[in-house]
Amino acid sequence: MRQLTPDEIRFFKREGYLIKRGVLDAELMARARERKWAGAPARMKPDDPGTWFGPFRADEELVEDPVNFRSGFTWKYTAPGYEPWIVAMLATNPLLLGWAEQLLGRGETEVPERIRGIYCQLPEGELPPRPTVCHCDVTPDRLHSTPLSELLAPGLGAVGLIADIPPAGGAFTVWPGTHRIIHDLLLHTEGLARNEAYQRRIIEFNADPRVESHGAAGDVLLWHRLLAHTAGWNRSSRIQLREAVLCDYRKRADALPDPDGPFADPWQGWSSEVRSL
């Protein structure tokens, strides 16, 4: 198994993300690209890219559907998330799971039983561009009532491209280093002030440099769960659907750090390999 190098782990600690190329199986990616069409509205034809443009029409939107969210230009088809083949393609892929265990702790990482699903961004065509707005994988409306042990628990996400995504094509976008800022913000604020400080910081991040992880089918980005990120807008000159799959890795409950802290060390609870570098 190809392990992460010390330099890659140092990069992840500093920047909050890591891109690995050519990770996913070609046959399973082709199956995922085909599988998504089961959740498409009738007007979108697999062999006619001219029918893929957004936004979804009012009669196509499914904003409360738990397995096939469609709204605006965003399409989250989560129905296949439990299917064994797609879990094997991403979450339990030996390389990815090995890297997750290298970061979170060998024998201490919960093996995912599902992935989030197949996430697409419809092309926008000639519509006026819109601001790119980031978020973190913590819920701002309950920050004030969530224990620090939960907010700061070790964890990472993985997003895999299942089709080529060109520049400006809506690929997963990250704001390097923001995981360290969010950790400190959560640590040093409490109550409703934490919610307000988080929301202000997110707005400020939007003006900062970001990295758009466009690339080839099979590429994977790992990100720290506190890192600011978003799916970009799909405005590439080549018509495509920004096809990606996502999953999450967590430490097992019995391997989590002491819920009473201390929390000052942002790498408390991560693997001994991470903490040593």
C-alpha atoms as a PDB file:
ATOM      1  CA  MET A   1       0.000   0.000   0.000  1.00  0.00           C
ATOM      2  CA  ARG A   2       1.277   3.484  -0.859  1.00  0.00           C
ATOM      3  CA  GLN A   3       1.503   5.360   2.425  1.00  0.00           C
ATOM      4  CA  LEU A   4       1.433   9.112   2.871  1.00  0.00           C
ATOM      5  CA  THR A   5       4.939  10.500   3.117  1.00  0.00           C
ATOM      6  CA  PRO A   6       6.064  12.674   6.041  1.00  0.00           C
ATOM      7  CA  ASP A   7       6.055  15.681   3.689  1.00  0.00           C
ATOM      8  CA  GLU A   8       2.463  14.953   2.669  1.00  0.00           C
ATOM      9  CA  ILE A   9       1.384  14.710   6.297  1.00  0.00           C
ATOM     10  CA  ARG A  10       3.162  17.980   7.089  1.00  0.00           C
ATOM     11  CA  PHE A  11       1.381  19.591   4.127  1.00  0.00           C
ATOM     12  CA  PHE A  12      -1.969  18.291   5.389  1.00  0.00           C
ATOM     13  CA  LYS A  13      -1.285  19.664   8.852  1.00  0.00           C
ATOM     14  CA  ARG A  14      -0.302  23.077   7.493  1.00  0.00           C
ATOM     15  CA  GLU A  15      -2.815  23.491   4.647  1.00  0.00           C
ATOM     16  CA  GLY A  16      -5.678  21.255   5.803  1.00  0.00           C
ATOM     17  CA  TYR A  17      -6.001  19.250   2.601  1.00  0.00           C
ATOM     18  CA  LEU A  18      -4.132  16.847   0.341  1.00  0.00           C
ATOM     19  CA  ILE A  19      -4.703  15.910  -3.315  1.00  0.00           C
ATOM     20  CA  LYS A  20      -3.870  12.417  -4.540  1.00  0.00           C
ATOM     21  CA  ARG A  21      -4.032  11.518  -8.224  1.00  0.00           C
ATOM     22  CA  GLY A  22      -5.413   8.428  -9.951  1.00  0.00           C
ATOM     23  CA  VAL A  23      -6.881   6.704  -6.901  1.00  0.00           C
ATOM     24  CA  LEU A  24     -10.320   5.412  -7.953  1.00  0.00           C
ATOM     25  CA  ASP A  25     -11.140   2.351 -10.064  1.00  0.00           C
ATOM     26  CA  ALA A  26     -12.067   3.171 -13.686  1.00  0.00           C
ATOM     27  CA  GLU A  27     -14.830   0.556 -14.008  1.00  0.00           C
ATOM     28  CA  LEU A  28     -16.506   1.611 -10.771  1.00  0.00           C
ATOM     29  CA  MET A  29     -16.322   5.276 -11.769  1.00  0.00           C
ATOM     30  CA  ALA A  30     -18.043   4.433 -15.063  1.00  0.00           C
ATOM     31  CA  ARG A  31     -20.724   2.587 -13.083  1.00  0.00           C
ATOM     32  CA  ALA A  32     -21.214   5.628 -10.839  1.00  0.00           C
ATOM     33  CA  ARG A  33     -21.515   7.974 -13.826  1.00  0.00           C
ATOM     34  CA  GLU A  34     -24.218   5.734 -15.249  1.00  0.00           C
ATOM     35  CA  ARG A  35     -25.931   5.203 -11.877  1.00  0.00           C
ATOM     36  CA  LYS A  36     -26.625   8.909 -11.356  1.00  0.00           C
ATOM     37  CA  TRP A  37     -29.020   9.057 -14.310  1.00  0.00           C
ATOM     38  CA  ALA A  38     -31.598   7.144 -12.269  1.00  0.00           C
ATOM     39  CA  GLY A  39     -32.006  10.344 -10.241  1.00  0.00           C
ATOM     40  CA  ALA A  40     -32.079  12.808 -13.137  1.00  0.00           C
ATOM     41  CA  PRO A  41     -35.216  14.664 -14.264  1.00  0.00           C
ATOM     42  CA  ALA A  42     -36.746  13.445 -17.527  1.00  0.00           C
ATOM     43  CA  ARG A  43     -35.535  16.402 -19.607  1.00  0.00           C
ATOM     44  CA  MET A  44     -31.826  15.596 -18.908  1.00  0.00           C
ATOM     45  CA  LYS A  45     -30.591  13.088 -21.488  1.00  0.00           C
ATOM     46  CA  PRO A  46     -27.302  11.201 -20.973  1.00  0.00           C
ATOM     47  CA  ASP A  47     -26.303  11.578 -24.621  1.00  0.00           C
ATOM     48  CA  ASP A  48     -27.330  15.229 -25.024  1.00  0.00           C
ATOM     49  CA  PRO A  49     -25.207  17.687 -23.000  1.00  0.00           C
ATOM     50  CA  GLY A  50     -27.394  20.509 -24.233  1.00  0.00           C
ATOM     51  CA  THR A  51     -30.079  19.244 -21.827  1.00  0.00           C
ATOM     52  CA  TRP A  52     -27.830  19.431 -18.751  1.00  0.00           C
ATOM     53  CA  PHE A  53     -27.907  23.171 -18.137  1.00  0.00           C
ATOM     54  CA  GLY A  54     -29.303  24.538 -14.908  1.00  0.00           C
ATOM     55  CA  PRO A  55     -30.992  25.721 -12.952  1.00  0.00           C
ATOM     56  CA  PHE A  56     -33.476  22.961 -12.236  1.00  0.00           C
ATOM     57  CA  ARG A  57     -36.992  24.040 -13.183  1.00  0.00           C
ATOM     58  CA  ALA A  58     -39.539  24.482 -10.411  1.00  0.00           C
ATOM     59  CA  ASP A  59     -41.208  21.182 -11.342  1.00  0.00           C
ATOM     60  CA  GLU A  60     -37.809  19.395 -11.145  1.00  0.00           C
ATOM     61  CA  GLU A  61     -36.672  20.649  -7.762  1.00  0.00           C
ATOM     62  CA  LEU A  62     -36.642  18.179  -4.858  1.00  0.00           C
ATOM     63  CA  VAL A  63     -35.543  20.248  -1.888  1.00  0.00           C
ATOM     64  CA  GLU A  64     -36.987  17.915   0.767  1.00  0.00           C
ATOM     65  CA  ASP A  65     -36.128  14.589  -0.863  1.00  0.00           C
ATOM     66  CA  PRO A  66     -33.631  12.825   1.458  1.00  0.00           C
ATOM     67  CA  VAL A  67     -32.077  10.713  -1.304  1.00  0.00           C
ATOM     68  CA  ASN A  68     -32.226  12.953  -4.384  1.00  0.00           C
ATOM     69  CA  PHE A  69     -31.769  16.644  -3.576  1.00  0.00           C
ATOM     70  CA  ARG A  70     -32.172  18.952  -6.579  1.00  0.00           C
ATOM     71  CA  SER A  71     -32.238  22.729  -6.254  1.00  0.00           C
ATOM     72  CA  GLY A  72     -30.878  25.524  -8.408  1.00  0.00           C
ATOM     73  CA  PHE A  73     -27.662  24.161  -9.938  1.00  0.00           C
ATOM     74  CA  THR A  74     -26.984  21.649  -7.136  1.00  0.00           C
ATOM     75  CA  TRP A  75     -27.790  17.941  -7.430  1.00  0.00           C
ATOM     76  CA  LYS A  76     -26.990  15.566  -4.555  1.00  0.00           C
ATOM     77  CA  TYR A  77     -27.995  12.025  -5.436  1.00  0.00           C
ATOM     78  CA  THR A  78     -27.510  10.160  -2.163  1.00  0.00           C
ATOM     79  CA  ALA A  79     -29.666   7.098  -2.938  1.00  0.00           C
ATOM     80  CA  PRO A  80     -26.686   4.912  -4.011  1.00  0.00           C
ATOM     81  CA  GLY A  81     -24.677   5.845  -0.913  1.00  0.00           C
ATOM     82  CA  TYR A  82     -25.188   2.476   0.813  1.00  0.00           C
ATOM     83  CA  GLU A  83     -24.603   0.301  -2.264  1.00  0.00           C
ATOM     84  CA  PRO A  84     -21.568  -1.939  -1.606  1.00  0.00           C
ATOM     85  CA  TRP A  85     -19.822  -1.264  -4.915  1.00  0.00           C
ATOM     86  CA  ILE A  86     -19.823   2.524  -4.476  1.00  0.00           C
ATOM     87  CA  VAL A  87     -18.693   2.236  -0.838  1.00  0.00           C
ATOM     88  CA  ALA A  88     -15.836   0.023  -2.065  1.00  0.00           C
ATOM     89  CA  MET A  89     -14.949   2.545  -4.769  1.00  0.00           C
ATOM     90  CA  LEU A  90     -14.410   5.366  -2.269  1.00  0.00           C
ATOM     91  CA  ALA A  91     -14.859   4.857   1.482  1.00  0.00           C
ATOM     92  CA  THR A  92     -13.304   1.404   1.822  1.00  0.00           C
ATOM     93  CA  ASN A  93     -10.880   1.777  -1.085  1.00  0.00           C
ATOM     94  CA  PRO A  94      -7.724   0.246   0.465  1.00  0.00           C
ATOM     95  CA  LEU A  95      -5.592   3.264  -0.405  1.00  0.00           C
ATOM     96  CA  LEU A  96      -8.031   5.823   0.968  1.00  0.00           C
ATOM     97  CA  LEU A  97      -8.894   3.871   4.082  1.00  0.00           C
ATOM     98  CA  GLY A  98      -5.204   3.310   4.697  1.00  0.00           C
ATOM     99  CA  TRP A  99      -4.489   7.033   4.436  1.00  0.00           C
ATOM    100  CA  ALA A 100      -7.408   7.834   6.730  1.00  0.00           C
ATOM    101  CA  GLU A 101      -6.055   5.385   9.318  1.00  0.00           C
ATOM    102  CA  GLN A 102      -2.581   6.859   8.918  1.00  0.00           C
ATOM    103  CA  LEU A 103      -4.030  10.278   9.838  1.00  0.00           C
ATOM    104  CA  LEU A 104      -6.652   9.274  12.416  1.00  0.00           C
ATOM    105  CA  GLY A 105      -5.004   6.234  13.954  1.00  0.00           C
ATOM    106  CA  ARG A 106      -4.600   2.633  12.867  1.00  0.00           C
ATOM    107  CA  GLY A 107      -7.217   0.461  14.510  1.00  0.00           C
ATOM    108  CA  GLU A 108      -8.962   3.630  15.731  1.00  0.00           C
ATOM    109  CA  THR A 109     -10.760   4.692  12.550  1.00  0.00           C
ATOM    110  CA  GLU A 110     -14.422   3.924  12.004  1.00  0.00           C
ATOM    111  CA  VAL A 111     -14.870   2.117   8.680  1.00  0.00           C
ATOM    112  CA  PRO A 112     -17.648   3.929   6.786  1.00  0.00           C
ATOM    113  CA  GLU A 113     -20.692   1.907   5.805  1.00  0.00           C
ATOM    114  CA  ARG A 114     -21.844   4.493   3.275  1.00  0.00           C
ATOM    115  CA  ILE A 115     -20.739   7.501   1.280  1.00  0.00           C
ATOM    116  CA  ARG A 116     -22.585  10.811   1.007  1.00  0.00           C
ATOM    117  CA  GLY A 117     -23.546  10.108  -2.602  1.00  0.00           C
ATOM    118  CA  ILE A 118     -22.949  11.360  -6.130  1.00  0.00           C
ATOM    119  CA  TYR A 119     -22.784  15.163  -6.177  1.00  0.00           C
ATOM    120  CA  CYS A 120     -23.131  17.206  -9.360  1.00  0.00           C
ATOM    121  CA  GLN A 121     -23.230  20.876 -10.294  1.00  0.00           C
ATOM    122  CA  LEU A 122     -25.222  21.715 -13.410  1.00  0.00           C
ATOM    123  CA  PRO A 123     -23.478  23.933 -15.973  1.00  0.00           C
ATOM    124  CA  GLU A 124     -24.401  27.613 -15.831  1.00  0.00           C
ATOM    125  CA  GLY A 125     -23.762  28.578 -19.430  1.00  0.00           C
ATOM    126  CA  GLU A 126     -23.825  32.318 -20.075  1.00  0.00           C
ATOM    127  CA  LEU A 127     -25.522  33.347 -16.839  1.00  0.00           C
ATOM    128  CA  PRO A 128     -23.766  36.133 -14.888  1.00  0.00           C
ATOM    129  CA  PRO A 129     -21.132  34.798 -12.449  1.00  0.00           C
ATOM    130  CA  ARG A 130     -21.951  34.616  -8.737  1.00  0.00           C
ATOM    131  CA  PRO A 131     -19.774  34.858  -5.623  1.00  0.00           C
ATOM    132  CA  THR A 132     -18.141  31.671  -4.350  1.00  0.00           C
ATOM    133  CA  VAL A 133     -19.186  31.134  -0.713  1.00  0.00           C
ATOM    134  CA  CYS A 134     -17.429  28.681   1.610  1.00  0.00           C
ATOM    135  CA  HIS A 135     -18.545  26.766   4.699  1.00  0.00           C
ATOM    136  CA  CYS A 136     -17.135  24.228   7.177  1.00  0.00           C
ATOM    137  CA  ASP A 137     -18.451  20.824   8.228  1.00  0.00           C
ATOM    138  CA  VAL A 138     -19.780  22.201  11.491  1.00  0.00           C
ATOM    139  CA  THR A 139     -23.348  23.446  11.769  1.00  0.00           C
ATOM    140  CA  PRO A 140     -23.435  27.177  12.573  1.00  0.00           C
ATOM    141  CA  ASP A 141     -26.932  27.239  14.057  1.00  0.00           C
ATOM    142  CA  ARG A 142     -25.913  24.909  16.909  1.00  0.00           C
ATOM    143  CA  LEU A 143     -22.297  25.852  17.549  1.00  0.00           C
ATOM    144  CA  HIS A 144     -23.256  27.493  20.819  1.00  0.00           C
ATOM    145  CA  SER A 145     -24.823  24.313  22.200  1.00  0.00           C
ATOM    146  CA  THR A 146     -22.361  21.739  20.838  1.00  0.00           C
ATOM    147  CA  PRO A 147     -19.595  20.486  23.181  1.00  0.00           C
ATOM    148  CA  LEU A 148     -16.033  21.318  22.158  1.00  0.00           C
ATOM    149  CA  SER A 149     -15.231  17.616  22.228  1.00  0.00           C
ATOM    150  CA  GLU A 150     -17.681  17.139  19.349  1.00  0.00           C
ATOM    151  CA  LEU A 151     -16.780  20.292  17.422  1.00  0.00           C
ATOM    152  CA  LEU A 152     -13.041  19.561  17.566  1.00  0.00           C
ATOM    153  CA  ALA A 153     -13.191  15.776  17.179  1.00  0.00           C
ATOM    154  CA  PRO A 154     -10.653  14.439  14.655  1.00  0.00           C
ATOM    155  CA  GLY A 155     -12.143  13.761  11.257  1.00  0.00           C
ATOM    156  CA  LEU A 156     -11.640  14.216   7.559  1.00  0.00           C
ATOM    157  CA  GLY A 157     -13.583  14.141   4.356  1.00  0.00           C
ATOM    158  CA  ALA A 158     -12.717  12.670   0.972  1.00  0.00           C
ATOM    159  CA  VAL A 159     -14.019  13.852  -2.383  1.00  0.00           C
ATOM    160  CA  GLY A 160     -13.276  11.847  -5.496  1.00  0.00           C
ATOM    161  CA  LEU A 161     -13.724  13.014  -9.070  1.00  0.00           C
ATOM    162  CA  ILE A 162     -15.527  10.358 -11.125  1.00  0.00           C
ATOM    163  CA  ALA A 163     -15.216  12.351 -14.359  1.00  0.00           C
ATOM    164  CA  ASP A 164     -12.676  14.857 -15.620  1.00  0.00           C
ATOM    165  CA  ILE A 165     -13.368  18.353 -14.270  1.00  0.00           C
ATOM    166  CA  PRO A 166     -11.677  21.258 -16.091  1.00  0.00           C
ATOM    167  CA  PRO A 167     -10.729  24.592 -14.522  1.00  0.00           C
ATOM    168  CA  ALA A 168     -13.811  26.653 -13.586  1.00  0.00           C
ATOM    169  CA  GLY A 169     -15.816  23.429 -13.821  1.00  0.00           C
ATOM    170  CA  GLY A 170     -17.179  23.430 -10.270  1.00  0.00           C
ATOM    171  CA  ALA A 171     -14.537  21.212  -8.693  1.00  0.00           C
ATOM    172  CA  PHE A 172     -14.229  21.011  -4.914  1.00  0.00           C
ATOM    173  CA  THR A 173     -12.634  24.252  -3.687  1.00  0.00           C
ATOM    174  CA  VAL A 174     -10.755  24.712  -0.400  1.00  0.00           C
ATOM    175  CA  TRP A 175      -9.359  27.646   1.576  1.00  0.00           C
ATOM    176  CA  PRO A 176      -5.897  26.510   2.757  1.00  0.00           C
ATOM    177  CA  GLY A 177      -5.033  26.911   6.434  1.00  0.00           C
ATOM    178  CA  THR A 178      -8.539  27.827   7.550  1.00  0.00           C
ATOM    179  CA  HIS A 179      -8.809  24.662   9.678  1.00  0.00           C
ATOM    180  CA  ARG A 180      -6.326  26.178  12.130  1.00  0.00           C
ATOM    181  CA  ILE A 181      -8.238  29.463  12.284  1.00  0.00           C
ATOM    182  CA  ILE A 182     -11.576  27.714  12.866  1.00  0.00           C
ATOM    183  CA  HIS A 183     -10.048  25.542  15.593  1.00  0.00           C
ATOM    184  CA  ASP A 184      -8.840  28.615  17.472  1.00  0.00           C
ATOM    185  CA  LEU A 185     -12.139  30.423  16.960  1.00  0.00           C
ATOM    186  CA  LEU A 186     -14.146  27.524  18.392  1.00  0.00           C
ATOM    187  CA  LEU A 187     -11.713  27.122  21.255  1.00  0.00           C
ATOM    188  CA  HIS A 188     -11.750  30.762  22.359  1.00  0.00           C
ATOM    189  CA  THR A 189     -15.434  31.673  21.966  1.00  0.00           C
ATOM    190  CA  GLU A 190     -18.549  30.275  23.605  1.00  0.00           C
ATOM    191  CA  GLY A 191     -22.299  30.710  23.609  1.00  0.00           C
ATOM    192  CA  LEU A 192     -23.954  32.705  20.852  1.00  0.00           C
ATOM    193  CA  ALA A 193     -20.722  34.672  20.398  1.00  0.00           C
ATOM    194  CA  ARG A 194     -19.269  31.503  18.852  1.00  0.00           C
ATOM    195  CA  ASN A 195     -21.998  31.431  16.178  1.00  0.00           C
ATOM    196  CA  GLU A 196     -21.519  35.120  15.397  1.00  0.00           C
ATOM    197  CA  ALA A 197     -17.720  34.858  15.241  1.00  0.00           C
ATOM    198  CA  TYR A 198     -17.939  31.832  12.948  1.00  0.00           C
ATOM    199  CA  GLN A 199     -20.329  33.553  10.550  1.00  0.00           C
ATOM    200  CA  ARG A 200     -18.120  36.655  10.389  1.00  0.00           C
ATOM    201  CA  ARG A 201     -15.023  34.552   9.757  1.00  0.00           C
ATOM    202  CA  ILE A 202     -16.680  32.599   6.946  1.00  0.00           C
ATOM    203  CA  ILE A 203     -17.555  35.861   5.205  1.00  0.00           C
ATOM    204  CA  GLU A 204     -13.951  37.027   5.578  1.00  0.00           C
ATOM    205  CA  PHE A 205     -12.586  33.762   4.175  1.00  0.00           C
ATOM    206  CA  ASN A 206     -14.494  34.297   0.932  1.00  0.00           C
ATOM    207  CA  ALA A 207     -12.080  37.092   0.001  1.00  0.00           C
ATOM    208  CA  ASP A 208      -9.000  34.951   0.713  1.00  0.00           C
ATOM    209  CA  PRO A 209      -7.015  32.777  -1.742  1.00  0.00           C
ATOM    210  CA  ARG A 210      -8.529  29.385  -2.460  1.00  0.00           C
ATOM    211  CA  VAL A 211      -7.544  26.233  -4.348  1.00  0.00           C
ATOM    212  CA  GLU A 212      -9.867  24.699  -6.952  1.00  0.00           C
ATOM    213  CA  SER A 213      -9.107  20.984  -7.155  1.00  0.00           C
ATOM    214  CA  HIS A 214      -9.948  20.418 -10.822  1.00  0.00           C
ATOM    215  CA  GLY A 215      -8.380  17.329 -12.304  1.00  0.00           C
ATOM    216  CA  ALA A 216      -8.907  13.937 -13.891  1.00  0.00           C
ATOM    217  CA  ALA A 217     -11.355  11.162 -13.081  1.00  0.00           C
ATOM    218  CA  GLY A 218      -9.926   9.175 -10.170  1.00  0.00           C
ATOM    219  CA  ASP A 219      -8.298  12.097  -8.358  1.00  0.00           C
ATOM    220  CA  VAL A 220      -9.155  12.442  -4.664  1.00  0.00           C
ATOM    221  CA  LEU A 221      -8.887  15.340  -2.215  1.00  0.00           C
ATOM    222  CA  LEU A 222      -8.702  14.706   1.532  1.00  0.00           C
ATOM    223  CA  TRP A 223      -9.704  17.608   3.776  1.00  0.00           C
ATOM    224  CA  HIS A 224      -9.650  18.349   7.503  1.00  0.00           C
ATOM    225  CA  ARG A 225     -13.245  18.560   8.744  1.00  0.00           C
ATOM    226  CA  LEU A 226     -12.727  22.151   9.959  1.00  0.00           C
ATOM    227  CA  LEU A 227     -11.336  23.379   6.630  1.00  0.00           C
ATOM    228  CA  ALA A 228     -13.440  25.954   4.751  1.00  0.00           C
ATOM    229  CA  HIS A 229     -14.594  24.547   1.410  1.00  0.00           C
ATOM    230  CA  THR A 230     -17.352  24.533  -1.183  1.00  0.00           C
ATOM    231  CA  ALA A 231     -18.417  23.098  -4.507  1.00  0.00           C
ATOM    232  CA  GLY A 232     -17.572  25.772  -7.054  1.00  0.00           C
ATOM    233  CA  TRP A 233     -19.857  26.976  -9.791  1.00  0.00           C
ATOM    234  CA  ASN A 234     -19.727  24.996 -13.031  1.00  0.00           C
ATOM    235  CA  ARG A 235     -18.746  27.584 -15.635  1.00  0.00           C
ATOM    236  CA  SER A 236     -16.233  25.675 -17.781  1.00  0.00           C
ATOM    237  CA  SER A 237     -16.293  26.074 -21.550  1.00  0.00           C
ATOM    238  CA  ARG A 238     -16.674  22.293 -21.870  1.00  0.00           C
ATOM    239  CA  ILE A 239     -20.150  21.126 -20.898  1.00  0.00           C
ATOM    240  CA  GLN A 240     -19.925  18.620 -18.026  1.00  0.00           C
ATOM    241  CA  LEU A 241     -21.730  17.861 -14.768  1.00  0.00           C
ATOM    242  CA  ARG A 242     -18.975  18.204 -12.157  1.00  0.00           C
ATOM    243  CA  GLU A 243     -19.418  14.578 -11.067  1.00  0.00           C
ATOM    244  CA  ALA A 244     -17.936  13.721  -7.677  1.00  0.00           C
ATOM    245  CA  VAL A 245     -18.436  11.315  -4.771  1.00  0.00           C
ATOM    246  CA  LEU A 246     -17.865  12.198  -1.115  1.00  0.00           C
ATOM    247  CA  CYS A 247     -17.427  10.374   2.179  1.00  0.00           C
ATOM    248  CA  ASP A 248     -16.354  11.060   5.761  1.00  0.00           C
ATOM    249  CA  TYR A 249     -13.914   9.393   8.150  1.00  0.00           C
ATOM    250  CA  ARG A 250     -14.155   9.572  11.943  1.00  0.00           C
ATOM    251  CA  LYS A 251     -12.344   8.035  14.894  1.00  0.00           C
ATOM    252  CA  ARG A 252     -14.158   5.218  16.654  1.00  0.00           C
ATOM    253  CA  ALA A 253     -16.097   6.414  19.693  1.00  0.00           C
ATOM    254  CA  ASP A 254     -13.948   4.312  22.025  1.00  0.00           C
ATOM    255  CA  ALA A 255     -10.776   5.939  20.635  1.00  0.00           C
ATOM    256  CA  LEU A 256     -11.805   9.583  20.938  1.00  0.00           C
ATOM    257  CA  PRO A 257      -9.796  11.933  23.176  1.00  0.00           C
ATOM    258  CA  ASP A 258     -10.947  12.844  26.689  1.00  0.00           C
ATOM    259  CA  PRO A 259     -14.230  14.783  26.226  1.00  0.00           C
ATOM    260  CA  ASP A 260     -13.124  17.196  28.966  1.00  0.00           C
ATOM    261  CA  GLY A 261     -10.045  18.282  27.017  1.00  0.00           C
ATOM    262  CA  PRO A 262      -7.524  19.793  26.873  1.00  0.00           C
ATOM    263  CA  PHE A 263      -8.236  21.145  23.380  1.00  0.00           C
ATOM    264  CA  ALA A 264      -5.391  23.616  22.830  1.00  0.00           C
ATOM    265  CA  ASP A 265      -3.455  21.109  20.693  1.00  0.00           C
ATOM    266  CA  PRO A 266      -5.362  20.954  17.373  1.00  0.00           C
ATOM    267  CA  TRP A 267      -3.909  17.501  16.677  1.00  0.00           C
ATOM    268  CA  GLN A 268      -4.951  15.950  19.987  1.00  0.00           C
ATOM    269  CA  GLY A 269      -6.582  12.629  19.138  1.00  0.00           C
ATOM    270  CA  TRP A 270      -5.060  12.290  15.681  1.00  0.00           C
ATOM    271  CA  SER A 271      -2.562   9.514  14.974  1.00  0.00           C
ATOM    272  CA  SER A 272       0.797   9.375  16.731  1.00  0.00           C
ATOM    273  CA  GLU A 273       2.374   9.756  13.266  1.00  0.00           C
ATOM    274  CA  VAL A 274       0.544  13.052  12.705  1.00  0.00           C
ATOM    275  CA  ARG A 275       1.371  14.354  16.177  1.00  0.00           C
ATOM    276  CA  SER A 276       5.077  13.511  15.777  1.00  0.00           C
ATOM    277  CA  LEU A 277       5.588  15.579  12.614  1.00  0.00           C
END
